[in-house]
Amino acid sequence: MKASAYFTIDDLGGKHGINELKRGLDTLRGVLSVSVSEKTNSVAVDYDTTGESCEAIQKKITDLGYGVADVRLDRHVM
């Protein structure tokens, strides 16, 4: 099943942080796409739930040194 997770990040740290998050999250198996918005300090991740979990994605974000202020999850029925 496909799902989308939306994370509000405490501080992205500019373009370096955006690139670091994209590269780091793209290494997770099951991640289909990553979109980062500096304007809203948010990260949107589309992923396959058979290969990844929202918790693992959030852990990767915190492992990269970013604080997660809020998480919203949408599951898609296909």
PDB file of N, CA and C in Angstrom:
ATOM      1  N   MET A   1       0.834  -1.165   0.000  1.00  0.00           N
ATOM      2  CA  MET A   1       0.000   0.000   0.000  1.00  0.00           C
ATOM      3  C   MET A   1       0.894   1.249   0.000  1.00  0.00           C
ATOM      4  N   LYS A   2       0.450   2.264  -0.673  1.00  0.00           N
ATOM      5  CA  LYS A   2       1.190   3.523  -0.708  1.00  0.00           C
ATOM      6  C   LYS A   2       0.669   4.440   0.392  1.00  0.00           C
ATOM      7  N   ALA A   3       1.584   5.180   1.000  1.00  0.00           N
ATOM      8  CA  ALA A   3       1.220   6.148   2.030  1.00  0.00           C
ATOM      9  C   ALA A   3       2.063   7.397   1.847  1.00  0.00           C
ATOM     10  N   SER A   4       1.574   8.479   2.425  1.00  0.00           N
ATOM     11  CA  SER A   4       2.315   9.734   2.434  1.00  0.00           C
ATOM     12  C   SER A   4       2.431  10.199   3.878  1.00  0.00           C
ATOM     13  N   ALA A   5       3.629  10.621   4.245  1.00  0.00           N
ATOM     14  CA  ALA A   5       3.867  11.158   5.584  1.00  0.00           C
ATOM     15  C   ALA A   5       4.354  12.588   5.440  1.00  0.00           C
ATOM     16  N   TYR A   6       3.817  13.451   6.274  1.00  0.00           N
ATOM     17  CA  TYR A   6       4.159  14.871   6.244  1.00  0.00           C
ATOM     18  C   TYR A   6       4.755  15.250   7.597  1.00  0.00           C
ATOM     19  N   PHE A   7       5.989  15.721   7.578  1.00  0.00           N
ATOM     20  CA  PHE A   7       6.716  16.060   8.801  1.00  0.00           C
ATOM     21  C   PHE A   7       6.964  17.556   8.849  1.00  0.00           C
ATOM     22  N   THR A   8       6.669  18.179   9.982  1.00  0.00           N
ATOM     23  CA  THR A   8       7.048  19.565  10.217  1.00  0.00           C
ATOM     24  C   THR A   8       8.368  19.531  10.971  1.00  0.00           C
ATOM     25  N   ILE A   9       9.374  20.192  10.400  1.00  0.00           N
ATOM     26  CA  ILE A   9      10.725  20.173  10.947  1.00  0.00           C
ATOM     27  C   ILE A   9      10.971  21.458  11.727  1.00  0.00           C
ATOM     28  N   ASP A  10      11.654  21.342  12.865  1.00  0.00           N
ATOM     29  CA  ASP A  10      11.937  22.519  13.690  1.00  0.00           C
ATOM     30  C   ASP A  10      12.761  23.562  12.932  1.00  0.00           C
ATOM     31  N   ASP A  11      13.833  23.141  12.288  1.00  0.00           N
ATOM     32  CA  ASP A  11      14.698  24.064  11.542  1.00  0.00           C
ATOM     33  C   ASP A  11      15.407  23.297  10.444  1.00  0.00           C
ATOM     34  N   LEU A  12      15.112  23.646   9.202  1.00  0.00           N
ATOM     35  CA  LEU A  12      15.726  22.943   8.072  1.00  0.00           C
ATOM     36  C   LEU A  12      17.183  23.315   7.848  1.00  0.00           C
ATOM     37  N   GLY A  13      17.571  24.501   8.230  1.00  0.00           N
ATOM     38  CA  GLY A  13      18.968  24.909   8.047  1.00  0.00           C
ATOM     39  C   GLY A  13      19.311  25.307   6.626  1.00  0.00           C
ATOM     40  N   GLY A  14      18.347  25.813   5.884  1.00  0.00           N
ATOM     41  CA  GLY A  14      18.613  26.318   4.537  1.00  0.00           C
ATOM     42  C   GLY A  14      18.781  25.226   3.496  1.00  0.00           C
ATOM     43  N   LYS A  15      19.404  25.580   2.376  1.00  0.00           N
ATOM     44  CA  LYS A  15      19.550  24.664   1.242  1.00  0.00           C
ATOM     45  C   LYS A  15      20.370  23.422   1.593  1.00  0.00           C
ATOM     46  N   HIS A  16      21.368  23.582   2.455  1.00  0.00           N
ATOM     47  CA  HIS A  16      22.164  22.426   2.866  1.00  0.00           C
ATOM     48  C   HIS A  16      21.273  21.389   3.550  1.00  0.00           C
ATOM     49  N   GLY A  17      20.411  21.849   4.448  1.00  0.00           N
ATOM     50  CA  GLY A  17      19.516  20.941   5.163  1.00  0.00           C
ATOM     51  C   GLY A  17      18.527  20.266   4.234  1.00  0.00           C
ATOM     52  N   ILE A  18      18.016  21.025   3.272  1.00  0.00           N
ATOM     53  CA  ILE A  18      17.071  20.464   2.307  1.00  0.00           C
ATOM     54  C   ILE A  18      17.738  19.335   1.521  1.00  0.00           C
ATOM     55  N   ASN A  19      18.933  19.601   1.009  1.00  0.00           N
ATOM     56  CA  ASN A  19      19.645  18.583   0.230  1.00  0.00           C
ATOM     57  C   ASN A  19      20.009  17.371   1.084  1.00  0.00           C
ATOM     58  N   GLU A  20      20.424  17.613   2.326  1.00  0.00           N
ATOM     59  CA  GLU A  20      20.791  16.517   3.220  1.00  0.00           C
ATOM     60  C   GLU A  20      19.595  15.617   3.515  1.00  0.00           C
ATOM     61  N   LEU A  21      18.438  16.236   3.775  1.00  0.00           N
ATOM     62  CA  LEU A  21      17.234  15.451   4.042  1.00  0.00           C
ATOM     63  C   LEU A  21      16.819  14.639   2.821  1.00  0.00           C
ATOM     64  N   LYS A  22      16.827  15.262   1.648  1.00  0.00           N
ATOM     65  CA  LYS A  22      16.449  14.537   0.430  1.00  0.00           C
ATOM     66  C   LYS A  22      17.368  13.344   0.198  1.00  0.00           C
ATOM     67  N   ARG A  23      18.676  13.564   0.269  1.00  0.00           N
ATOM     68  CA  ARG A  23      19.634  12.480   0.053  1.00  0.00           C
ATOM     69  C   ARG A  23      19.471  11.373   1.097  1.00  0.00           C
ATOM     70  N   GLY A  24      19.331  11.763   2.349  1.00  0.00           N
ATOM     71  CA  GLY A  24      19.208  10.776   3.423  1.00  0.00           C
ATOM     72  C   GLY A  24      17.947   9.939   3.320  1.00  0.00           C
ATOM     73  N   LEU A  25      16.831  10.583   3.023  1.00  0.00           N
ATOM     74  CA  LEU A  25      15.571   9.853   2.943  1.00  0.00           C
ATOM     75  C   LEU A  25      15.485   8.994   1.687  1.00  0.00           C
ATOM     76  N   ASP A  26      16.133   9.439   0.614  1.00  0.00           N
ATOM     77  CA  ASP A  26      16.137   8.649  -0.621  1.00  0.00           C
ATOM     78  C   ASP A  26      16.871   7.319  -0.449  1.00  0.00           C
ATOM     79  N   THR A  27      17.707   7.187   0.585  1.00  0.00           N
ATOM     80  CA  THR A  27      18.436   5.932   0.795  1.00  0.00           C
ATOM     81  C   THR A  27      17.563   4.852   1.425  1.00  0.00           C
ATOM     82  N   LEU A  28      16.419   5.230   1.979  1.00  0.00           N
ATOM     83  CA  LEU A  28      15.539   4.249   2.615  1.00  0.00           C
ATOM     84  C   LEU A  28      14.789   3.452   1.550  1.00  0.00           C
ATOM     85  N   ARG A  29      14.789   2.134   1.713  1.00  0.00           N
ATOM     86  CA  ARG A  29      14.054   1.315   0.744  1.00  0.00           C
ATOM     87  C   ARG A  29      12.560   1.556   0.935  1.00  0.00           C
ATOM     88  N   GLY A  30      11.848   1.610  -0.126  1.00  0.00           N
ATOM     89  CA  GLY A  30      10.409   1.846  -0.052  1.00  0.00           C
ATOM     90  C   GLY A  30      10.026   3.299  -0.226  1.00  0.00           C
ATOM     91  N   VAL A  31      10.973   4.223  -0.097  1.00  0.00           N
ATOM     92  CA  VAL A  31      10.668   5.644  -0.295  1.00  0.00           C
ATOM     93  C   VAL A  31      10.542   5.904  -1.790  1.00  0.00           C
ATOM     94  N   LEU A  32       9.402   6.448  -2.192  1.00  0.00           N
ATOM     95  CA  LEU A  32       9.126   6.699  -3.602  1.00  0.00           C
ATOM     96  C   LEU A  32       9.478   8.122  -4.015  1.00  0.00           C
ATOM     97  N   SER A  33       9.204   9.090  -3.148  1.00  0.00           N
ATOM     98  CA  SER A  33       9.548  10.482  -3.450  1.00  0.00           C
ATOM     99  C   SER A  33       9.664  11.287  -2.161  1.00  0.00           C
ATOM    100  N   VAL A  34      10.485  12.332  -2.245  1.00  0.00           N
ATOM    101  CA  VAL A  34      10.713  13.224  -1.106  1.00  0.00           C
ATOM    102  C   VAL A  34      10.587  14.656  -1.609  1.00  0.00           C
ATOM    103  N   SER A  35       9.793  15.446  -0.908  1.00  0.00           N
ATOM    104  CA  SER A  35       9.645  16.857  -1.247  1.00  0.00           C
ATOM    105  C   SER A  35       9.866  17.672   0.023  1.00  0.00           C
ATOM    106  N   VAL A  36      10.746  18.663  -0.063  1.00  0.00           N
ATOM    107  CA  VAL A  36      11.067  19.482   1.099  1.00  0.00           C
ATOM    108  C   VAL A  36      10.731  20.937   0.797  1.00  0.00           C
ATOM    109  N   SER A  37      10.018  21.588   1.712  1.00  0.00           N
ATOM    110  CA  SER A  37       9.659  22.996   1.547  1.00  0.00           C
ATOM    111  C   SER A  37      10.326  23.830   2.632  1.00  0.00           C
ATOM    112  N   GLU A  38      11.226  24.712   2.202  1.00  0.00           N
ATOM    113  CA  GLU A  38      11.883  25.606   3.153  1.00  0.00           C
ATOM    114  C   GLU A  38      10.894  26.635   3.694  1.00  0.00           C
ATOM    115  N   LYS A  39       9.947  27.037   2.861  1.00  0.00           N
ATOM    116  CA  LYS A  39       8.958  28.052   3.246  1.00  0.00           C
ATOM    117  C   LYS A  39       8.107  27.603   4.439  1.00  0.00           C
ATOM    118  N   THR A  40       7.721  26.308   4.434  1.00  0.00           N
ATOM    119  CA  THR A  40       6.850  25.799   5.500  1.00  0.00           C
ATOM    120  C   THR A  40       7.582  24.875   6.480  1.00  0.00           C
ATOM    121  N   ASN A  41       8.912  24.731   6.311  1.00  0.00           N
ATOM    122  CA  ASN A  41       9.701  23.812   7.156  1.00  0.00           C
ATOM    123  C   ASN A  41       9.065  22.428   7.205  1.00  0.00           C
ATOM    124  N   SER A  42       8.712  21.914   6.025  1.00  0.00           N
ATOM    125  CA  SER A  42       8.042  20.626   5.997  1.00  0.00           C
ATOM    126  C   SER A  42       8.691  19.675   4.991  1.00  0.00           C
ATOM    127  N   VAL A  43       8.500  18.387   5.262  1.00  0.00           N
ATOM    128  CA  VAL A  43       8.989  17.328   4.398  1.00  0.00           C
ATOM    129  C   VAL A  43       7.818  16.398   4.112  1.00  0.00           C
ATOM    130  N   ALA A  44       7.577  16.129   2.831  1.00  0.00           N
ATOM    131  CA  ALA A  44       6.538  15.182   2.425  1.00  0.00           C
ATOM    132  C   ALA A  44       7.242  13.976   1.819  1.00  0.00           C
ATOM    133  N   VAL A  45       6.854  12.790   2.283  1.00  0.00           N
ATOM    134  CA  VAL A  45       7.479  11.556   1.799  1.00  0.00           C
ATOM    135  C   VAL A  45       6.381  10.598   1.354  1.00  0.00           C
ATOM    136  N   ASP A  46       6.433  10.178   0.083  1.00  0.00           N
ATOM    137  CA  ASP A  46       5.570   9.117  -0.421  1.00  0.00           C
ATOM    138  C   ASP A  46       6.364   7.830  -0.329  1.00  0.00           C
ATOM    139  N   TYR A  47       5.739   6.774   0.189  1.00  0.00           N
ATOM    140  CA  TYR A  47       6.463   5.519   0.369  1.00  0.00           C
ATOM    141  C   TYR A  47       5.538   4.322   0.274  1.00  0.00           C
ATOM    142  N   ASP A  48       6.147   3.180   0.021  1.00  0.00           N
ATOM    143  CA  ASP A  48       5.449   1.906  -0.035  1.00  0.00           C
ATOM    144  C   ASP A  48       5.507   1.298   1.364  1.00  0.00           C
ATOM    145  N   THR A  49       4.356   1.039   1.953  1.00  0.00           N
ATOM    146  CA  THR A  49       4.317   0.558   3.338  1.00  0.00           C
ATOM    147  C   THR A  49       4.849  -0.865   3.486  1.00  0.00           C
ATOM    148  N   THR A  50       5.005  -1.585   2.390  1.00  0.00           N
ATOM    149  CA  THR A  50       5.595  -2.929   2.492  1.00  0.00           C
ATOM    150  C   THR A  50       7.102  -2.849   2.623  1.00  0.00           C
ATOM    151  N   GLY A  51       7.693  -1.693   2.279  1.00  0.00           N
ATOM    152  CA  GLY A  51       9.136  -1.559   2.347  1.00  0.00           C
ATOM    153  C   GLY A  51       9.616  -0.591   3.403  1.00  0.00           C
ATOM    154  N   GLU A  52       8.714   0.209   3.968  1.00  0.00           N
ATOM    155  CA  GLU A  52       9.134   1.233   4.932  1.00  0.00           C
ATOM    156  C   GLU A  52       7.975   1.580   5.853  1.00  0.00           C
ATOM    157  N   SER A  53       8.286   2.237   6.965  1.00  0.00           N
ATOM    158  CA  SER A  53       7.247   2.686   7.897  1.00  0.00           C
ATOM    159  C   SER A  53       7.446   4.165   8.205  1.00  0.00           C
ATOM    160  N   CYS A  54       6.387   4.802   8.643  1.00  0.00           N
ATOM    161  CA  CYS A  54       6.460   6.216   9.024  1.00  0.00           C
ATOM    162  C   CYS A  54       7.455   6.402  10.166  1.00  0.00           C
ATOM    163  N   GLU A  55       7.465   5.469  11.091  1.00  0.00           N
ATOM    164  CA  GLU A  55       8.368   5.554  12.240  1.00  0.00           C
ATOM    165  C   GLU A  55       9.836   5.499  11.800  1.00  0.00           C
ATOM    166  N   ALA A  56      10.136   4.640  10.829  1.00  0.00           N
ATOM    167  CA  ALA A  56      11.512   4.530  10.338  1.00  0.00           C
ATOM    168  C   ALA A  56      11.940   5.803   9.612  1.00  0.00           C
ATOM    169  N   ILE A  57      11.008   6.399   8.886  1.00  0.00           N
ATOM    170  CA  ILE A  57      11.310   7.653   8.191  1.00  0.00           C
ATOM    171  C   ILE A  57      11.565   8.758   9.209  1.00  0.00           C
ATOM    172  N   GLN A  58      10.715   8.834  10.233  1.00  0.00           N
ATOM    173  CA  GLN A  58      10.913   9.845  11.279  1.00  0.00           C
ATOM    174  C   GLN A  58      12.241   9.624  11.998  1.00  0.00           C
ATOM    175  N   LYS A  59      12.600   8.377  12.260  1.00  0.00           N
ATOM    176  CA  LYS A  59      13.871   8.081  12.916  1.00  0.00           C
ATOM    177  C   LYS A  59      15.036   8.544  12.048  1.00  0.00           C
ATOM    178  N   LYS A  60      14.948   8.336  10.734  1.00  0.00           N
ATOM    179  CA  LYS A  60      16.009   8.771   9.829  1.00  0.00           C
ATOM    180  C   LYS A  60      16.160  10.291   9.884  1.00  0.00           C
ATOM    181  N   ILE A  61      15.040  11.012   9.932  1.00  0.00           N
ATOM    182  CA  ILE A  61      15.087  12.472  10.015  1.00  0.00           C
ATOM    183  C   ILE A  61      15.797  12.906  11.292  1.00  0.00           C
ATOM    184  N   THR A  62      15.448  12.296  12.413  1.00  0.00           N
ATOM    185  CA  THR A  62      16.087  12.669  13.680  1.00  0.00           C
ATOM    186  C   THR A  62      17.542  12.219  13.713  1.00  0.00           C
ATOM    187  N   ASP A  63      17.847  11.067  13.103  1.00  0.00           N
ATOM    188  CA  ASP A  63      19.241  10.607  13.021  1.00  0.00           C
ATOM    189  C   ASP A  63      20.101  11.578  12.215  1.00  0.00           C
ATOM    190  N   LEU A  64      19.495  12.255  11.252  1.00  0.00           N
ATOM    191  CA  LEU A  64      20.210  13.257  10.455  1.00  0.00           C
ATOM    192  C   LEU A  64      20.390  14.573  11.224  1.00  0.00           C
ATOM    193  N   GLY A  65      19.785  14.661  12.417  1.00  0.00           N
ATOM    194  CA  GLY A  65      19.981  15.828  13.266  1.00  0.00           C
ATOM    195  C   GLY A  65      18.870  16.864  13.231  1.00  0.00           C
ATOM    196  N   TYR A  66      17.710  16.482  12.717  1.00  0.00           N
ATOM    197  CA  TYR A  66      16.591  17.426  12.619  1.00  0.00           C
ATOM    198  C   TYR A  66      15.492  17.034  13.591  1.00  0.00           C
ATOM    199  N   GLY A  67      14.896  18.037  14.230  1.00  0.00           N
ATOM    200  CA  GLY A  67      13.800  17.796  15.149  1.00  0.00           C
ATOM    201  C   GLY A  67      12.477  17.775  14.407  1.00  0.00           C
ATOM    202  N   VAL A  68      11.618  16.824  14.749  1.00  0.00           N
ATOM    203  CA  VAL A  68      10.301  16.711  14.135  1.00  0.00           C
ATOM    204  C   VAL A  68       9.275  17.290  15.100  1.00  0.00           C
ATOM    205  N   ALA A  69       8.608  18.369  14.676  1.00  0.00           N
ATOM    206  CA  ALA A  69       7.620  19.031  15.527  1.00  0.00           C
ATOM    207  C   ALA A  69       6.239  18.406  15.384  1.00  0.00           C
ATOM    208  N   ASP A  70       5.928  17.854  14.191  1.00  0.00           N
ATOM    209  CA  ASP A  70       4.593  17.310  13.942  1.00  0.00           C
ATOM    210  C   ASP A  70       4.655  16.293  12.806  1.00  0.00           C
ATOM    211  N   VAL A  71       3.771  15.292  12.855  1.00  0.00           N
ATOM    212  CA  VAL A  71       3.699  14.284  11.812  1.00  0.00           C
ATOM    213  C   VAL A  71       2.236  14.069  11.441  1.00  0.00           C
ATOM    214  N   ARG A  72       1.978  13.991  10.139  1.00  0.00           N
ATOM    215  CA  ARG A  72       0.644  13.659   9.644  1.00  0.00           C
ATOM    216  C   ARG A  72       0.799  12.551   8.624  1.00  0.00           C
ATOM    217  N   LEU A  73      -0.080  11.568   8.664  1.00  0.00           N
ATOM    218  CA  LEU A  73       0.030  10.397   7.812  1.00  0.00           C
ATOM    219  C   LEU A  73      -1.253  10.208   7.002  1.00  0.00           C
ATOM    220  N   ASP A  74      -1.096   9.950   5.702  1.00  0.00           N
ATOM    221  CA  ASP A  74      -2.216   9.639   4.818  1.00  0.00           C
ATOM    222  C   ASP A  74      -1.930   8.304   4.155  1.00  0.00           C
ATOM    223  N   ARG A  75      -2.884   7.382   4.253  1.00  0.00           N
ATOM    224  CA  ARG A  75      -2.747   6.089   3.562  1.00  0.00           C
ATOM    225  C   ARG A  75      -3.631   6.130   2.315  1.00  0.00           C
ATOM    226  N   HIS A  76      -3.120   5.573   1.235  1.00  0.00           N
ATOM    227  CA  HIS A  76      -3.838   5.568  -0.035  1.00  0.00           C
ATOM    228  C   HIS A  76      -4.247   4.151  -0.377  1.00  0.00           C
ATOM    229  N   VAL A  77      -5.507   3.973  -0.708  1.00  0.00           N
ATOM    230  CA  VAL A  77      -5.995   2.653  -1.130  1.00  0.00           C
ATOM    231  C   VAL A  77      -5.894   2.610  -2.652  1.00  0.00           C
ATOM    232  N   MET A  78      -5.172   1.582  -3.130  1.00  0.00           N
ATOM    233  CA  MET A  78      -4.994   1.462  -4.584  1.00  0.00           C
ATOM    234  C   MET A  78      -5.647   0.188  -5.075  1.00  0.00           C
TER     235      MET A  78
END
